[in-house]
C-alpha atoms as a PDB file:
ATOM      1  CA  MET A   1     142.217 121.731  83.080  1.00  0.00           C
ATOM      2  CA  LYS A   2     141.861 118.629  81.001  1.00  0.00           C
ATOM      3  CA  PHE A   3     144.455 116.301  79.641  1.00  0.00           C
ATOM      4  CA  LYS A   4     144.404 114.045  76.661  1.00  0.00           C
ATOM      5  CA  PRO A   5     143.696 110.542  77.899  1.00  0.00           C
ATOM      6  CA  ILE A   6     146.450 107.906  77.847  1.00  0.00           C
ATOM      7  CA  ARG A   7     145.971 106.011  74.614  1.00  0.00           C
ATOM      8  CA  PRO A   8     145.527 102.177  74.669  1.00  0.00           C
ATOM      9  CA  ILE A   9     148.689 100.394  73.722  1.00  0.00           C
ATOM     10  CA  ARG A  10     148.461  97.641  71.161  1.00  0.00           C
ATOM     11  CA  THR A  11     151.347  95.328  71.820  1.00  0.00           C
ATOM     12  CA  VAL A  12     152.849  92.959  69.181  1.00  0.00           C
ATOM     13  CA  GLU A  13     155.465  91.217  71.330  1.00  0.00           C
ATOM     14  CA  LYS A  14     155.448  90.004  74.897  1.00  0.00           C
ATOM     15  CA  ILE A  15     158.488  89.377  77.224  1.00  0.00           C
ATOM     16  CA  GLU A  16     157.954  87.609  80.551  1.00  0.00           C
ATOM     17  CA  ASN A  17     159.975  86.361  83.484  1.00  0.00           C
ATOM     18  CA  GLN A  18     163.413  87.561  82.285  1.00  0.00           C
ATOM     19  CA  ARG A  19     166.280  89.430  83.759  1.00  0.00           C
ATOM     20  CA  PHE A  20     168.057  92.225  81.990  1.00  0.00           C
ATOM     21  CA  GLY A  21     171.319  93.733  83.183  1.00  0.00           C
ATOM     22  CA  GLU A  22     173.153  94.824  80.096  1.00  0.00           C
ATOM     23  CA  GLU A  23     173.368  98.320  78.508  1.00  0.00           C
ATOM     24  CA  ARG A  24     170.286  99.351  76.470  1.00  0.00           C
ATOM     25  CA  SER A  25     168.828  95.840  76.723  1.00  0.00           C
ATOM     26  CA  LEU A  26     165.561  96.611  75.073  1.00  0.00           C
ATOM     27  CA  TYR A  27     166.641  99.852  73.270  1.00  0.00           C
ATOM     28  CA  GLY A  28     164.262 101.348  70.626  1.00  0.00           C
ATOM     29  CA  ALA A  29     161.562  98.661  71.223  1.00  0.00           C
ATOM     30  CA  ARG A  30     158.165  99.129  69.395  1.00  0.00           C
ATOM     31  CA  GLY A  31     154.866  97.587  70.538  1.00  0.00           C
ATOM     32  CA  LEU A  32     156.324  95.740  73.396  1.00  0.00           C
ATOM     33  CA  GLN A  33     154.792  94.226  76.693  1.00  0.00           C
ATOM     34  CA  VAL A  34     157.223  93.467  79.418  1.00  0.00           C
ATOM     35  CA  GLU A  35     155.853  91.551  82.437  1.00  0.00           C
ATOM     36  CA  ASN A  36     157.391  90.178  85.638  1.00  0.00           C
ATOM     37  CA  CYS A  37     160.835  90.985  84.577  1.00  0.00           C
ATOM     38  CA  ARG A  38     163.895  92.297  86.529  1.00  0.00           C
ATOM     39  CA  PHE A  39     166.339  94.997  85.388  1.00  0.00           C
ATOM     40  CA  GLU A  40     169.299  94.386  87.598  1.00  0.00           C
ATOM     41  CA  GLY A  41     172.782  92.692  87.701  1.00  0.00           C
ATOM     42  CA  GLU A  42     176.497  93.094  87.851  1.00  0.00           C
ATOM     43  CA  GLU A  43     176.589  94.318  84.276  1.00  0.00           C
ATOM     44  CA  ASP A  44     175.150  97.605  85.620  1.00  0.00           C
ATOM     45  CA  GLY A  45     173.713  98.544  82.300  1.00  0.00           C
ATOM     46  CA  GLU A  46     171.867 101.785  81.684  1.00  0.00           C
ATOM     47  CA  SER A  47     168.945 102.895  79.558  1.00  0.00           C
ATOM     48  CA  ALA A  48     167.127  99.621  79.323  1.00  0.00           C
ATOM     49  CA  LEU A  49     164.057 100.904  77.390  1.00  0.00           C
ATOM     50  CA  LYS A  50     165.346 104.118  75.980  1.00  0.00           C
ATOM     51  CA  GLU A  51     163.632 105.440  72.755  1.00  0.00           C
ATOM     52  CA  GLY A  52     160.775 103.029  73.001  1.00  0.00           C
ATOM     53  CA  ARG A  53     157.298 103.453  71.475  1.00  0.00           C
ATOM     54  CA  ARG A  54     154.083 101.921  72.669  1.00  0.00           C
ATOM     55  CA  ILE A  55     155.599 100.164  75.646  1.00  0.00           C
ATOM     56  CA  THR A  56     153.739  98.477  78.518  1.00  0.00           C
ATOM     57  CA  VAL A  57     155.677  97.375  81.652  1.00  0.00           C
ATOM     58  CA  LEU A  58     153.875  95.294  84.300  1.00  0.00           C
ATOM     59  CA  ASP A  59     154.831  93.826  87.716  1.00  0.00           C
ATOM     60  CA  SER A  60     158.561  94.436  87.114  1.00  0.00           C
ATOM     61  CA  TYR A  61     161.567  95.442  89.139  1.00  0.00           C
ATOM     62  CA  PHE A  62     164.143  98.149  88.302  1.00  0.00           C
ATOM     63  CA  ALA A  63     167.522  98.711  90.012  1.00  0.00           C
ATOM     64  CA  LEU A  64     169.472 100.142  87.078  1.00  0.00           C
ATOM     65  CA  ARG A  65     169.769 103.810  85.890  1.00  0.00           C
ATOM     66  CA  TYR A  66     167.793 105.749  83.312  1.00  0.00           C
ATOM     67  CA  PRO A  67     165.321 102.985  82.159  1.00  0.00           C
ATOM     68  CA  PHE A  68     162.799 105.250  80.457  1.00  0.00           C
ATOM     69  CA  TRP A  69     164.328 108.038  78.468  1.00  0.00           C
ATOM     70  CA  HIS A  70     162.863 109.495  75.197  1.00  0.00           C
ATOM     71  CA  ASP A  71     159.952 107.128  75.311  1.00  0.00           C
ATOM     72  CA  VAL A  72     156.471 107.739  73.803  1.00  0.00           C
ATOM     73  CA  ASP A  73     153.183 106.137  74.735  1.00  0.00           C
ATOM     74  CA  LEU A  74     154.462 104.370  77.845  1.00  0.00           C
ATOM     75  CA  THR A  75     152.428 102.532  80.572  1.00  0.00           C
ATOM     76  CA  VAL A  76     154.111 101.285  83.775  1.00  0.00           C
ATOM     77  CA  ARG A  77     151.958  99.446  86.298  1.00  0.00           C
ATOM     78  CA  ASN A  78     152.656  97.806  89.570  1.00  0.00           C
ATOM     79  CA  CYS A  79     156.441  98.168  89.305  1.00  0.00           C
ATOM     80  CA  GLU A  80     159.214  98.896  91.770  1.00  0.00           C
ATOM     81  CA  MET A  81     162.095 101.364  91.038  1.00  0.00           C
ATOM     82  CA  THR A  82     164.674 101.346  93.679  1.00  0.00           C
ATOM     83  CA  GLU A  83     167.067 104.089  94.844  1.00  0.00           C
ATOM     84  CA  THR A  84     169.633 102.842  92.382  1.00  0.00           C
ATOM     85  CA  CYS A  85     167.224 103.324  89.586  1.00  0.00           C
ATOM     86  CA  ARG A  86     168.260 106.869  89.164  1.00  0.00           C
ATOM     87  CA  ALA A  87     166.562 109.466  86.906  1.00  0.00           C
ATOM     88  CA  PRO A  88     164.080 106.914  85.605  1.00  0.00           C
ATOM     89  CA  PHE A  89     161.902 109.086  83.429  1.00  0.00           C
ATOM     90  CA  TRP A  90     163.415 111.868  81.310  1.00  0.00           C
ATOM     91  CA  TYR A  91     162.144 113.508  78.019  1.00  0.00           C
ATOM     92  CA  ASP A  92     159.155 111.267  77.758  1.00  0.00           C
ATOM     93  CA  LYS A  93     155.713 111.979  76.251  1.00  0.00           C
ATOM     94  CA  ASN A  94     152.338 110.417  77.120  1.00  0.00           C
ATOM     95  CA  VAL A  95     153.148 108.422  80.263  1.00  0.00           C
ATOM     96  CA  LEU A  96     150.908 106.504  82.655  1.00  0.00           C
ATOM     97  CA  MET A  97     152.431 105.353  85.910  1.00  0.00           C
ATOM     98  CA  ASP A  98     149.975 103.426  88.140  1.00  0.00           C
ATOM     99  CA  GLY A  99     150.380 101.563  91.413  1.00  0.00           C
ATOM    100  CA  CYS A 100     154.142 101.869  91.481  1.00  0.00           C
ATOM    101  CA  LYS A 101     156.886 102.448  94.064  1.00  0.00           C
ATOM    102  CA  MET A 102     159.576 104.688  92.874  1.00  0.00           C
ATOM    103  CA  HIS A 103     162.588 105.779  94.891  1.00  0.00           C
ATOM    104  CA  GLY A 104     165.027 107.031  92.316  1.00  0.00           C
ATOM    105  CA  VAL A 105     166.204 110.710  92.310  1.00  0.00           C
ATOM    106  CA  LYS A 106     165.332 113.243  89.604  1.00  0.00           C
ATOM    107  CA  ALA A 107     162.305 111.466  88.184  1.00  0.00           C
ATOM    108  CA  PHE A 108     160.269 113.005  85.373  1.00  0.00           C
ATOM    109  CA  ARG A 109     162.525 115.628  84.033  1.00  0.00           C
ATOM    110  CA  GLU A 110     161.342 117.580  80.909  1.00  0.00           C
ATOM    111  CA  CYS A 111     158.452 115.209  80.311  1.00  0.00           C
ATOM    112  CA  ARG A 112     155.015 115.959  78.765  1.00  0.00           C
ATOM    113  CA  GLU A 113     151.571 114.469  79.263  1.00  0.00           C
ATOM    114  CA  VAL A 114     152.150 112.460  82.381  1.00  0.00           C
ATOM    115  CA  GLU A 115     149.516 110.653  84.591  1.00  0.00           C
ATOM    116  CA  ILE A 116     150.528 109.249  87.957  1.00  0.00           C
ATOM    117  CA  LYS A 117     148.049 107.334  90.069  1.00  0.00           C
ATOM    118  CA  ASN A 118     148.083 105.320  93.381  1.00  0.00           C
ATOM    119  CA  SER A 119     151.867 105.463  93.701  1.00  0.00           C
ATOM    120  CA  GLU A 120     154.638 106.065  96.254  1.00  0.00           C
ATOM    121  CA  ILE A 121     157.344 108.321  95.228  1.00  0.00           C
ATOM    122  CA  VAL A 122     160.570 109.368  96.988  1.00  0.00           C
ATOM    123  CA  SER A 123     162.565 111.514  94.537  1.00  0.00           C
ATOM    124  CA  PRO A 124     164.475 114.689  95.235  1.00  0.00           C
ATOM    125  CA  GLU A 125     164.223 117.027  92.213  1.00  0.00           C
ATOM    126  CA  PHE A 126     161.006 115.455  90.963  1.00  0.00           C
ATOM    127  CA  GLY A 127     159.137 116.806  88.020  1.00  0.00           C
ATOM    128  CA  TRP A 128     161.471 119.537  86.821  1.00  0.00           C
ATOM    129  CA  ARG A 129     160.185 121.452  83.832  1.00  0.00           C
ATOM    130  CA  THR A 130     157.563 118.799  83.147  1.00  0.00           C
ATOM    131  CA  ARG A 131     154.366 119.949  81.337  1.00  0.00           C
ATOM    132  CA  LYS A 132     150.848 118.535  81.735  1.00  0.00           C
ATOM    133  CA  ILE A 133     151.313 116.315  84.632  1.00  0.00           C
ATOM    134  CA  SER A 134     148.461 114.955  86.850  1.00  0.00           C
ATOM    135  CA  LEU A 135     148.817 113.095  90.195  1.00  0.00           C
ATOM    136  CA  SER A 136     146.102 111.428  92.127  1.00  0.00           C
ATOM    137  CA  ASP A 137     146.032 109.455  95.333  1.00  0.00           C
ATOM    138  CA  THR A 138     149.836 109.522  95.475  1.00  0.00           C
ATOM    139  CA  SER A 139     152.424 110.206  98.127  1.00  0.00           C
ATOM    140  CA  LEU A 140     155.552 112.160  97.087  1.00  0.00           C
ATOM    141  CA  SER A 141     158.600 113.040  99.079  1.00  0.00           C
ATOM    142  CA  GLY A 142     161.494 115.209  97.806  1.00  0.00           C
ATOM    143  CA  GLU A 143     163.120 118.581  97.722  1.00  0.00           C
ATOM    144  CA  TYR A 144     162.659 121.049  94.857  1.00  0.00           C
ATOM    145  CA  ALA A 145     159.624 119.109  93.520  1.00  0.00           C
ATOM    146  CA  PHE A 146     158.002 120.483  90.237  1.00  0.00           C
ATOM    147  CA  LEU A 147     160.618 123.244  89.796  1.00  0.00           C
ATOM    148  CA  GLY A 148     159.575 125.108  86.616  1.00  0.00           C
ATOM    149  CA  GLY A 149     156.700 122.828  85.846  1.00  0.00           C
ATOM    150  CA  SER A 150     153.504 123.900  84.189  1.00  0.00           C
ATOM    151  CA  ARG A 151     149.902 122.625  83.753  1.00  0.00           C
ATOM    152  CA  ILE A 152     149.917 120.565  86.901  1.00  0.00           C
ATOM    153  CA  VAL A 153     146.876 118.868  88.345  1.00  0.00           C
ATOM    154  CA  ALA A 154     146.913 117.110  91.681  1.00  0.00           C
ATOM    155  CA  ARG A 155     144.215 115.546  93.786  1.00  0.00           C
ATOM    156  CA  GLY A 156     144.691 113.393  96.948  1.00  0.00           C
ATOM    157  CA  LEU A 157     148.439 114.307  96.897  1.00  0.00           C
ATOM    158  CA  HIS A 158     150.434 113.840 100.145  1.00  0.00           C
ATOM    159  CA  PHE A 159     153.571 115.778  99.819  1.00  0.00           C
ATOM    160  CA  SER A 160     156.589 116.226 102.052  1.00  0.00           C
ATOM    161  CA  GLY A 161     159.767 118.149 101.240  1.00  0.00           C
ATOM    162  CA  LYS A 162     161.282 121.567 100.958  1.00  0.00           C
ATOM    163  CA  TYR A 163     161.108 124.165  98.227  1.00  0.00           C
ATOM    164  CA  SER A 164     158.276 122.735  96.266  1.00  0.00           C
ATOM    165  CA  PHE A 165     156.306 124.156  93.275  1.00  0.00           C
ATOM    166  CA  GLN A 166     158.863 127.013  92.709  1.00  0.00           C
ATOM    167  CA  TYR A 167     158.484 128.831  89.411  1.00  0.00           C
ATOM    168  CA  VAL A 168     155.359 126.726  88.489  1.00  0.00           C
ATOM    169  CA  ARG A 169     152.852 128.018  85.925  1.00  0.00           C
ATOM    170  CA  ASP A 170     149.154 127.054  85.763  1.00  0.00           C
ATOM    171  CA  ALA A 171     148.502 124.504  88.463  1.00  0.00           C
ATOM    172  CA  GLU A 172     145.419 123.148  90.273  1.00  0.00           C
ATOM    173  CA  ILE A 173     145.689 121.234  93.660  1.00  0.00           C
ATOM    174  CA  ALA A 174     142.810 119.894  95.626  1.00  0.00           C
ATOM    175  CA  ASP A 175     142.087 117.644  98.602  1.00  0.00           C
ATOM    176  CA  SER A 176     145.792 117.433  99.408  1.00  0.00           C
ATOM    177  CA  GLU A 177     148.243 117.739 102.279  1.00  0.00           C
ATOM    178  CA  LEU A 178     151.468 119.677 101.690  1.00  0.00           C
ATOM    179  CA  ASP A 179     154.182 119.564 104.351  1.00  0.00           C
ATOM    180  CA  THR A 180     156.714 121.959 102.807  1.00  0.00           C
ATOM    181  CA  LYS A 181     158.858 125.026 103.090  1.00  0.00           C
ATOM    182  CA  ASP A 182     159.193 127.931 100.720  1.00  0.00           C
ATOM    183  CA  ALA A 183     156.344 126.411  98.546  1.00  0.00           C
ATOM    184  CA  PHE A 184     154.841 128.237  95.491  1.00  0.00           C
ATOM    185  CA  TRP A 185     157.670 130.942  95.228  1.00  0.00           C
ATOM    186  CA  HIS A 186     157.475 132.813  91.997  1.00  0.00           C
ATOM    187  CA  THR A 187     154.450 130.790  90.830  1.00  0.00           C
ATOM    188  CA  LYS A 188     151.823 132.252  88.440  1.00  0.00           C
ATOM    189  CA  ASP A 189     148.234 131.148  88.101  1.00  0.00           C
ATOM    190  CA  VAL A 190     148.092 128.519  90.915  1.00  0.00           C
ATOM    191  CA  THR A 191     144.861 127.515  92.722  1.00  0.00           C
ATOM    192  CA  VAL A 192     144.761 125.301  95.799  1.00  0.00           C
ATOM    193  CA  ARG A 193     141.376 124.013  97.196  1.00  0.00           C
ATOM    194  CA  ASP A 194     140.373 122.179 100.334  1.00  0.00           C
ATOM    195  CA  SER A 195     143.939 121.404 101.349  1.00  0.00           C
ATOM    196  CA  VAL A 196     146.335 121.718 104.303  1.00  0.00           C
ATOM    197  CA  ILE A 197     149.626 123.521 103.647  1.00  0.00           C
ATOM    198  CA  ARG A 198     152.287 123.346 106.424  1.00  0.00           C
ATOM    199  CA  GLY A 199     155.574 125.141 106.263  1.00  0.00           C
ATOM    200  CA  GLU A 200     157.355 128.463 106.365  1.00  0.00           C
ATOM    201  CA  TYR A 201     157.390 131.412 103.893  1.00  0.00           C
ATOM    202  CA  LEU A 202     154.558 130.174 101.747  1.00  0.00           C
ATOM    203  CA  GLY A 203     154.006 131.705  98.338  1.00  0.00           C
ATOM    204  CA  TRP A 204     156.487 134.591  98.279  1.00  0.00           C
ATOM    205  CA  TYR A 205     156.729 136.492  94.966  1.00  0.00           C
ATOM    206  CA  SER A 206     153.696 134.613  93.587  1.00  0.00           C
ATOM    207  CA  GLU A 207     151.182 136.063  91.051  1.00  0.00           C
ATOM    208  CA  ASN A 208     147.516 135.050  90.929  1.00  0.00           C
ATOM    209  CA  LEU A 209     147.799 132.552  93.765  1.00  0.00           C
ATOM    210  CA  THR A 210     144.357 131.455  94.940  1.00  0.00           C
ATOM    211  CA  LEU A 211     143.712 129.463  98.147  1.00  0.00           C
ATOM    212  CA  ILE A 212     140.189 128.305  98.702  1.00  0.00           C
ATOM    213  CA  ARG A 213     139.026 126.622 101.934  1.00  0.00           C
ATOM    214  CA  CYS A 214     142.598 125.823 102.892  1.00  0.00           C
ATOM    215  CA  LYS A 215     144.375 125.579 106.271  1.00  0.00           C
ATOM    216  CA  ILE A 216     147.639 127.390 106.265  1.00  0.00           C
ATOM    217  CA  VAL A 217     150.175 126.603 108.981  1.00  0.00           C
ATOM    218  CA  GLY A 218     153.579 128.372 109.580  1.00  0.00           C
ATOM    219  CA  THR A 219     155.463 131.589 109.898  1.00  0.00           C
ATOM    220  CA  GLN A 220     155.610 134.537 107.501  1.00  0.00           C
ATOM    221  CA  PRO A 221     153.320 133.341 104.782  1.00  0.00           C
ATOM    222  CA  LEU A 222     152.274 135.057 101.610  1.00  0.00           C
ATOM    223  CA  CYS A 223     154.521 138.067 101.303  1.00  0.00           C
ATOM    224  CA  TYR A 224     155.456 140.054  98.207  1.00  0.00           C
ATOM    225  CA  CYS A 225     152.441 138.524  96.327  1.00  0.00           C
ATOM    226  CA  ARG A 226     150.626 140.049  93.551  1.00  0.00           C
ATOM    227  CA  ASN A 227     146.827 139.554  93.123  1.00  0.00           C
ATOM    228  CA  LEU A 228     146.689 137.078  96.111  1.00  0.00           C
ATOM    229  CA  THR A 229     143.251 135.623  96.941  1.00  0.00           C
ATOM    230  CA  LEU A 230     142.206 133.718 100.077  1.00  0.00           C
ATOM    231  CA  ILE A 231     138.640 132.499 100.262  1.00  0.00           C
ATOM    232  CA  ASP A 232     137.232 131.082 103.563  1.00  0.00           C
ATOM    233  CA  CYS A 233     140.695 129.889 104.677  1.00  0.00           C
ATOM    234  CA  GLU A 234     142.074 129.186 108.152  1.00  0.00           C
ATOM    235  CA  THR A 235     145.522 129.995 109.595  1.00  0.00           C
ATOM    236  CA  GLU A 236     147.607 128.580 112.381  1.00  0.00           C
ATOM    237  CA  ASN A 237     150.865 130.000 113.745  1.00  0.00           C
ATOM    238  CA  CYS A 238     150.914 132.497 110.938  1.00  0.00           C
ATOM    239  CA  ASP A 239     152.819 135.708 111.993  1.00  0.00           C
ATOM    240  CA  LEU A 240     154.055 138.567 109.872  1.00  0.00           C
ATOM    241  CA  ALA A 241     151.660 137.609 107.138  1.00  0.00           C
ATOM    242  CA  PHE A 242     150.974 139.454 103.841  1.00  0.00           C
ATOM    243  CA  GLU A 243     153.908 141.821 103.947  1.00  0.00           C
ATOM    244  CA  TYR A 244     153.951 143.919 100.756  1.00  0.00           C
ATOM    245  CA  SER A 245     151.239 141.820  99.138  1.00  0.00           C
ATOM    246  CA  SER A 246     148.217 142.915  97.076  1.00  0.00           C
ATOM    247  CA  VAL A 247     145.561 140.593  98.594  1.00  0.00           C
ATOM    248  CA  THR A 248     141.889 139.939  98.973  1.00  0.00           C
ATOM    249  CA  ALA A 249     141.451 137.572 101.887  1.00  0.00           C
ATOM    250  CA  SER A 250     138.654 136.127 104.000  1.00  0.00           C
ATOM    251  CA  ILE A 251     140.010 134.191 106.977  1.00  0.00           C
ATOM    252  CA  ARG A 252     138.170 132.144 109.605  1.00  0.00           C
ATOM    253  CA  GLY A 253     139.581 132.393 113.040  1.00  0.00           C
ATOM    254  CA  ASN A 254     142.827 134.070 114.133  1.00  0.00           C
ATOM    255  CA  VAL A 255     145.885 135.454 112.472  1.00  0.00           C
ATOM    256  CA  LEU A 256     148.840 135.890 114.782  1.00  0.00           C
ATOM    257  CA  SER A 257     150.008 139.018 113.012  1.00  0.00           C
ATOM    258  CA  ILE A 258     149.545 140.970 109.807  1.00  0.00           C
ATOM    259  CA  LYS A 259     152.372 143.244 108.622  1.00  0.00           C
ATOM    260  CA  ASN A 260     152.257 146.002 106.067  1.00  0.00           C
ATOM    261  CA  PRO A 261     149.987 144.522 103.251  1.00  0.00           C
ATOM    262  CA  LEU A 262     150.301 146.570 100.194  1.00  0.00           C
ATOM    263  CA  SER A 263     146.731 146.872  98.823  1.00  0.00           C
ATOM    264  CA  GLY A 264     143.345 145.113  98.758  1.00  0.00           C
ATOM    265  CA  LYS A 265     141.212 143.931 101.720  1.00  0.00           C
ATOM    266  CA  ILE A 266     141.743 141.357 104.492  1.00  0.00           C
ATOM    267  CA  VAL A 267     138.828 140.239 106.666  1.00  0.00           C
ATOM    268  CA  CYS A 268     139.449 137.853 109.567  1.00  0.00           C
ATOM    269  CA  ASP A 269     137.679 137.037 112.839  1.00  0.00           C
ATOM    270  CA  SER A 270     140.698 138.026 115.100  1.00  0.00           C
ATOM    271  CA  ALA A 271     144.322 139.100 114.930  1.00  0.00           C
ATOM    272  CA  GLY A 272     146.920 139.168 117.556  1.00  0.00           C
ATOM    273  CA  GLU A 273     148.771 142.132 116.068  1.00  0.00           C
ATOM    274  CA  ILE A 274     148.435 144.568 113.191  1.00  0.00           C
ATOM    275  CA  ILE A 275     151.725 145.957 112.236  1.00  0.00           C
ATOM    276  CA  LEU A 276     151.606 149.145 110.114  1.00  0.00           C
ATOM    277  CA  LYS A 277     154.952 150.831 110.339  1.00  0.00           C
ATOM    278  CA  ASP A 278     158.435 150.995 109.038  1.00  0.00           C
ATOM    279  CA  SER A 279     157.270 150.172 105.544  1.00  0.00           C
ATOM    280  CA  VAL A 280     159.464 151.148 102.529  1.00  0.00           C
ATOM    281  CA  TYR A 281     156.368 151.125 100.199  1.00  0.00           C
ATOM    282  CA  PRO A 282     153.050 152.990 100.520  1.00  0.00           C
ATOM    283  CA  CYS A 283     150.525 150.596 102.097  1.00  0.00           C
ATOM    284  CA  GLY A 284     146.747 151.044 101.600  1.00  0.00           C
ATOM    285  CA  CYS A 285     145.235 147.697 102.342  1.00  0.00           C
ATOM    286  CA  GLU A 286     141.841 147.595 104.192  1.00  0.00           C
ATOM    287  CA  ILE A 287     142.021 145.387 107.258  1.00  0.00           C
ATOM    288  CA  VAL A 288     138.742 144.295 109.011  1.00  0.00           C
ATOM    289  CA  VAL A 289     139.137 142.303 112.234  1.00  0.00           C
ATOM    290  CA  GLY A 290     135.972 141.035 113.876  1.00  0.00           C
ATOM    291  CA  GLY A 291     133.873 143.522 111.938  1.00  0.00           C
ATOM    292  CA  GLU A 292     136.040 146.462 112.971  1.00  0.00           C
ATOM    293  CA  ARG A 293     138.448 148.341 110.621  1.00  0.00           C
ATOM    294  CA  ARG A 294     142.018 148.151 111.842  1.00  0.00           C
ATOM    295  CA  ASP A 295     144.055 149.531 109.012  1.00  0.00           C
ATOM    296  CA  HIS A 296     144.870 152.879 110.805  1.00  0.00           C
ATOM    297  CA  LEU A 297     147.249 153.328 113.675  1.00  0.00           C
END
């Protein structure tokens, strides 16, 4: 998956070392560079840079709400957005955020063509319905991250939070650590490589979910999946796995228990228990444990 590169921004005006606290202080700006400025104050103004075009913001501080809404061609570098900088990015297009600290809730809602690098993010409800977003070497904490997003690329992502990547379409994640619960529910066309995924109830109701050389940790993973693929993966504390899933899996090491997989083939080195009873659907998955077929009672 490739993204259009962030276009260089040619600025025609520069603002430095100023404080802005009023409503829409730089509303509708065009071709502007903002450097070493502070957006704060008792005026408690909102939407400082709303409806901007070709904006660069460097080394600045934001403590007011909704600074970047409906912006196009926006670069934000080495900035801090505090908890009171709520919902900082909505409805934007072609955004680069690099080297930033952002702690405002509901960041990046309904945005397109977003690149995030080398940043620290604490933001519940992050990335909802955002399309074409890439993240690299970034930490992210928050519940319900990426809900309904599409065309997501992440590398070197350190994520913590519940209910992540739900209803996502078309995502690629690599070299990452995900500490999460109920991740990847109802996703379609998602691939995760060389990553660690910790949590409960991973990937339920997903379609075309592929895990390659991943470590999966936690109870009851990967149930009710369609066209699930695991390639050279490892599991830890995974019990009641694969219930009612169509699956092709190769697993290194032990699986605590496998329960009523629907179809396909599962190969693992060892399994604590194979549960093939009380199914409400016909199950015909081939299960091979340590070279021996175990899919018959």
